[in-house]
């Protein structure tokens, strides 16, 4: 399998192009200052990666999405000491 070498800046500036190529099965080694940093490879849906599963789709709450700050605030509240947990039926 031939691996293409690309620079980190090239990847950043042309991300959509490389995503499209990875979806088609191509792999890339990304270098920074002539040193390899990481590889970009397609996800093997049936291999080690397993099958992806949607756990939460925040568009169900709001079609425009949910701000990350709101999600983080809710998660922090879950970990507050002495927090009373309300159970909804």
N, C-alpha and C. Protein backbone atom coordinates (compact mmCIF):
# COMPACT_ATOMS: atom_id res chain seq x y z
N UNK A 1 0.85 -1.18 0.00
CA UNK A 1 0.00 0.00 0.00
C UNK A 1 0.89 1.24 0.00
N UNK A 2 0.67 2.11 -0.97
CA UNK A 2 1.46 3.33 -1.08
C UNK A 2 0.85 4.41 -0.19
N UNK A 3 1.70 5.05 0.60
CA UNK A 3 1.23 6.13 1.46
C UNK A 3 1.77 7.44 0.92
N UNK A 4 0.90 8.41 0.77
CA UNK A 4 1.29 9.74 0.31
C UNK A 4 1.76 10.57 1.51
N UNK A 5 2.73 11.44 1.27
CA UNK A 5 3.26 12.31 2.32
C UNK A 5 2.79 13.73 2.04
N UNK A 6 2.20 14.36 3.07
CA UNK A 6 1.74 15.74 2.94
C UNK A 6 2.19 16.53 4.16
N UNK A 7 2.33 17.82 3.97
CA UNK A 7 2.69 18.70 5.07
C UNK A 7 1.47 19.06 5.91
N UNK A 8 1.71 19.36 7.17
CA UNK A 8 0.63 19.72 8.08
C UNK A 8 -0.11 20.96 7.58
N UNK A 9 0.61 21.94 7.09
CA UNK A 9 -0.02 23.15 6.56
C UNK A 9 -0.89 22.82 5.36
N UNK A 10 -0.42 21.96 4.48
CA UNK A 10 -1.19 21.53 3.31
C UNK A 10 -2.49 20.86 3.74
N UNK A 11 -2.41 20.01 4.75
CA UNK A 11 -3.60 19.33 5.26
C UNK A 11 -4.59 20.34 5.83
N UNK A 12 -4.10 21.27 6.64
CA UNK A 12 -4.98 22.30 7.24
C UNK A 12 -5.68 23.12 6.17
N UNK A 13 -4.94 23.52 5.16
CA UNK A 13 -5.50 24.42 4.14
C UNK A 13 -6.43 23.71 3.17
N UNK A 14 -6.33 22.39 3.06
CA UNK A 14 -7.13 21.64 2.08
C UNK A 14 -7.83 20.45 2.73
N UNK A 15 -8.31 20.64 3.95
CA UNK A 15 -8.88 19.55 4.74
C UNK A 15 -9.98 18.79 4.00
N UNK A 16 -10.92 19.50 3.40
CA UNK A 16 -12.04 18.84 2.72
C UNK A 16 -11.57 17.95 1.58
N UNK A 17 -10.56 18.38 0.86
CA UNK A 17 -10.01 17.58 -0.24
C UNK A 17 -9.44 16.27 0.30
N UNK A 18 -8.69 16.36 1.40
CA UNK A 18 -8.08 15.15 1.96
C UNK A 18 -9.12 14.24 2.62
N UNK A 19 -10.14 14.82 3.24
CA UNK A 19 -11.22 13.99 3.80
C UNK A 19 -11.87 13.19 2.68
N UNK A 20 -12.13 13.84 1.57
CA UNK A 20 -12.74 13.16 0.43
C UNK A 20 -11.86 12.01 -0.07
N UNK A 21 -10.55 12.24 -0.13
CA UNK A 21 -9.63 11.20 -0.60
C UNK A 21 -9.54 10.04 0.40
N UNK A 22 -9.56 10.35 1.69
CA UNK A 22 -9.51 9.29 2.71
C UNK A 22 -10.78 8.44 2.63
N UNK A 23 -11.92 9.09 2.41
CA UNK A 23 -13.17 8.34 2.26
C UNK A 23 -13.10 7.36 1.09
N UNK A 24 -12.26 7.68 0.08
CA UNK A 24 -12.09 6.81 -1.09
C UNK A 24 -11.03 5.74 -0.86
N UNK A 25 -10.43 5.72 0.36
CA UNK A 25 -9.48 4.67 0.68
C UNK A 25 -8.02 5.07 0.72
N UNK A 26 -7.69 6.32 0.42
CA UNK A 26 -6.29 6.74 0.44
C UNK A 26 -5.81 6.99 1.86
N UNK A 27 -4.51 6.82 2.08
CA UNK A 27 -3.88 7.10 3.37
C UNK A 27 -2.80 8.16 3.18
N UNK A 28 -2.54 8.92 4.22
CA UNK A 28 -1.53 9.97 4.16
C UNK A 28 -0.70 9.97 5.42
N UNK A 29 0.60 10.22 5.26
CA UNK A 29 1.48 10.49 6.38
C UNK A 29 1.67 11.99 6.42
N UNK A 30 1.39 12.59 7.57
CA UNK A 30 1.49 14.04 7.71
C UNK A 30 2.81 14.36 8.39
N UNK A 31 3.55 15.29 7.77
CA UNK A 31 4.85 15.67 8.31
C UNK A 31 4.82 17.13 8.73
N UNK A 32 5.66 17.43 9.73
CA UNK A 32 5.85 18.80 10.19
C UNK A 32 7.34 19.01 10.31
N UNK A 33 7.84 19.99 9.58
CA UNK A 33 9.28 20.26 9.54
C UNK A 33 10.06 19.01 9.19
N UNK A 34 9.59 18.32 8.17
CA UNK A 34 10.24 17.12 7.61
C UNK A 34 10.21 15.90 8.51
N UNK A 35 9.48 15.94 9.61
CA UNK A 35 9.38 14.77 10.50
C UNK A 35 7.94 14.27 10.51
N UNK A 36 7.75 12.95 10.38
CA UNK A 36 6.39 12.41 10.42
C UNK A 36 5.75 12.68 11.78
N UNK A 37 4.47 13.09 11.76
CA UNK A 37 3.75 13.41 12.98
C UNK A 37 2.64 12.40 13.22
N UNK A 38 1.85 12.11 12.19
CA UNK A 38 0.76 11.14 12.31
C UNK A 38 0.33 10.67 10.94
N UNK A 39 -0.50 9.63 10.94
CA UNK A 39 -1.05 9.10 9.69
C UNK A 39 -2.55 9.31 9.68
N UNK A 40 -3.07 9.59 8.51
CA UNK A 40 -4.51 9.69 8.30
C UNK A 40 -4.89 8.51 7.42
N UNK A 41 -5.74 7.64 7.95
CA UNK A 41 -6.15 6.45 7.21
C UNK A 41 -7.66 6.29 7.31
N UNK A 42 -8.26 5.61 6.35
CA UNK A 42 -9.70 5.37 6.43
C UNK A 42 -10.03 4.48 7.63
N UNK A 43 -11.19 4.68 8.20
CA UNK A 43 -11.65 3.83 9.29
C UNK A 43 -12.10 2.52 8.68
N UNK A 44 -11.59 1.44 9.21
CA UNK A 44 -12.00 0.11 8.76
C UNK A 44 -13.27 -0.24 9.53
N UNK A 45 -14.41 -0.07 8.88
CA UNK A 45 -15.69 -0.21 9.57
C UNK A 45 -15.88 -1.59 10.20
N UNK A 46 -15.26 -2.60 9.66
CA UNK A 46 -15.48 -3.95 10.18
C UNK A 46 -14.25 -4.50 10.90
N UNK A 47 -13.22 -3.68 11.04
CA UNK A 47 -12.00 -4.16 11.70
C UNK A 47 -11.95 -3.76 13.16
N UNK A 48 -10.79 -3.28 13.58
CA UNK A 48 -10.57 -2.92 14.98
C UNK A 48 -11.46 -1.80 15.47
N UNK A 49 -11.89 -0.95 14.58
CA UNK A 49 -12.67 0.22 14.98
C UNK A 49 -14.10 -0.14 15.37
N UNK A 50 -14.59 -1.28 14.93
CA UNK A 50 -15.96 -1.65 15.24
C UNK A 50 -16.95 -0.82 14.43
N UNK A 51 -18.19 -0.94 14.75
CA UNK A 51 -19.22 -0.19 14.06
C UNK A 51 -19.57 1.04 14.89
N UNK A 52 -19.60 2.20 14.26
CA UNK A 52 -19.90 3.45 14.96
C UNK A 52 -21.37 3.49 15.31
N UNK A 53 -21.66 4.02 16.47
CA UNK A 53 -23.02 4.13 16.96
C UNK A 53 -23.26 5.56 17.45
N UNK A 54 -24.38 6.14 17.06
CA UNK A 54 -24.73 7.47 17.56
C UNK A 54 -25.24 7.33 18.98
N UNK A 55 -24.60 8.01 19.90
CA UNK A 55 -25.00 7.95 21.31
C UNK A 55 -25.99 9.07 21.61
N UNK A 56 -25.66 10.28 21.16
CA UNK A 56 -26.53 11.43 21.37
C UNK A 56 -26.50 12.27 20.10
N UNK A 57 -27.67 12.68 19.67
CA UNK A 57 -27.76 13.62 18.55
C UNK A 57 -28.43 14.87 19.10
N UNK A 58 -27.64 15.89 19.35
CA UNK A 58 -28.16 17.11 19.96
C UNK A 58 -29.14 17.84 19.06
N UNK A 59 -29.20 17.47 17.79
CA UNK A 59 -30.17 18.09 16.89
C UNK A 59 -31.59 17.67 17.26
N UNK A 60 -31.73 16.59 18.05
CA UNK A 60 -33.05 16.19 18.54
C UNK A 60 -33.58 17.23 19.54
N UNK A 61 -32.65 17.87 20.26
CA UNK A 61 -33.02 18.90 21.23
C UNK A 61 -33.30 20.22 20.52
N UNK A 62 -32.42 20.57 19.61
CA UNK A 62 -32.56 21.81 18.85
C UNK A 62 -31.96 21.55 17.46
N UNK A 63 -32.73 21.71 16.39
CA UNK A 63 -32.23 21.40 15.04
C UNK A 63 -30.96 22.17 14.66
N UNK A 64 -30.73 23.31 15.31
CA UNK A 64 -29.52 24.10 15.02
C UNK A 64 -28.33 23.59 15.81
N UNK A 65 -28.54 22.63 16.70
CA UNK A 65 -27.48 22.13 17.54
C UNK A 65 -27.55 22.74 18.93
N UNK A 66 -26.67 22.33 19.80
CA UNK A 66 -26.62 22.82 21.17
C UNK A 66 -25.23 23.38 21.41
N UNK A 67 -25.13 24.60 21.92
CA UNK A 67 -23.80 25.18 22.18
C UNK A 67 -22.98 24.32 23.13
N UNK A 68 -21.72 24.16 22.83
CA UNK A 68 -20.83 23.34 23.66
C UNK A 68 -20.80 23.85 25.10
N UNK A 69 -20.89 25.16 25.28
CA UNK A 69 -20.87 25.72 26.64
C UNK A 69 -22.05 25.20 27.46
N UNK A 70 -23.21 25.06 26.83
CA UNK A 70 -24.39 24.54 27.53
C UNK A 70 -24.21 23.07 27.91
N UNK A 71 -23.61 22.31 27.02
CA UNK A 71 -23.36 20.89 27.31
C UNK A 71 -22.38 20.76 28.46
N UNK A 72 -21.30 21.53 28.43
CA UNK A 72 -20.30 21.47 29.50
C UNK A 72 -20.89 21.90 30.84
N UNK A 73 -21.74 22.93 30.83
CA UNK A 73 -22.38 23.39 32.06
C UNK A 73 -23.25 22.28 32.65
N UNK A 74 -24.00 21.59 31.80
CA UNK A 74 -24.86 20.49 32.27
C UNK A 74 -24.02 19.35 32.83
N UNK A 75 -22.90 19.03 32.17
CA UNK A 75 -22.03 17.96 32.66
C UNK A 75 -21.40 18.32 34.01
N UNK A 76 -21.02 19.59 34.16
CA UNK A 76 -20.43 20.02 35.44
C UNK A 76 -21.45 19.90 36.57
N UNK A 77 -22.71 20.24 36.27
CA UNK A 77 -23.76 20.14 37.29
C UNK A 77 -23.94 18.69 37.74
N UNK A 78 -23.75 17.74 36.84
CA UNK A 78 -23.89 16.33 37.20
C UNK A 78 -22.85 15.90 38.23
N UNK A 79 -21.72 16.58 38.26
CA UNK A 79 -20.62 16.20 39.15
C UNK A 79 -20.52 17.08 40.39
N UNK A 80 -21.49 17.95 40.60
CA UNK A 80 -21.46 18.80 41.79
C UNK A 80 -21.69 17.95 43.03
N UNK A 81 -20.91 18.21 44.10
CA UNK A 81 -21.13 17.46 45.34
C UNK A 81 -22.49 17.82 45.95
N UNK A 82 -23.09 16.85 46.63
CA UNK A 82 -24.38 17.03 47.31
C UNK A 82 -25.51 17.41 46.35
N UNK A 83 -25.37 17.05 45.10
CA UNK A 83 -26.40 17.34 44.13
C UNK A 83 -27.52 16.33 44.27
N UNK A 84 -28.74 16.82 44.36
CA UNK A 84 -29.89 15.93 44.44
C UNK A 84 -30.26 15.52 43.02
N UNK A 85 -30.41 14.25 42.83
CA UNK A 85 -30.74 13.72 41.51
C UNK A 85 -32.26 13.60 41.41
N UNK A 86 -32.83 14.25 40.42
CA UNK A 86 -34.26 14.12 40.21
C UNK A 86 -34.50 13.06 39.15
N UNK A 87 -35.41 12.19 39.43
CA UNK A 87 -35.73 11.12 38.47
C UNK A 87 -37.07 11.43 37.84
N UNK A 88 -37.05 11.45 36.54
CA UNK A 88 -38.29 11.70 35.80
C UNK A 88 -38.90 10.37 35.41
N UNK A 89 -40.21 10.31 35.51
CA UNK A 89 -40.93 9.07 35.18
C UNK A 89 -41.10 8.95 33.70
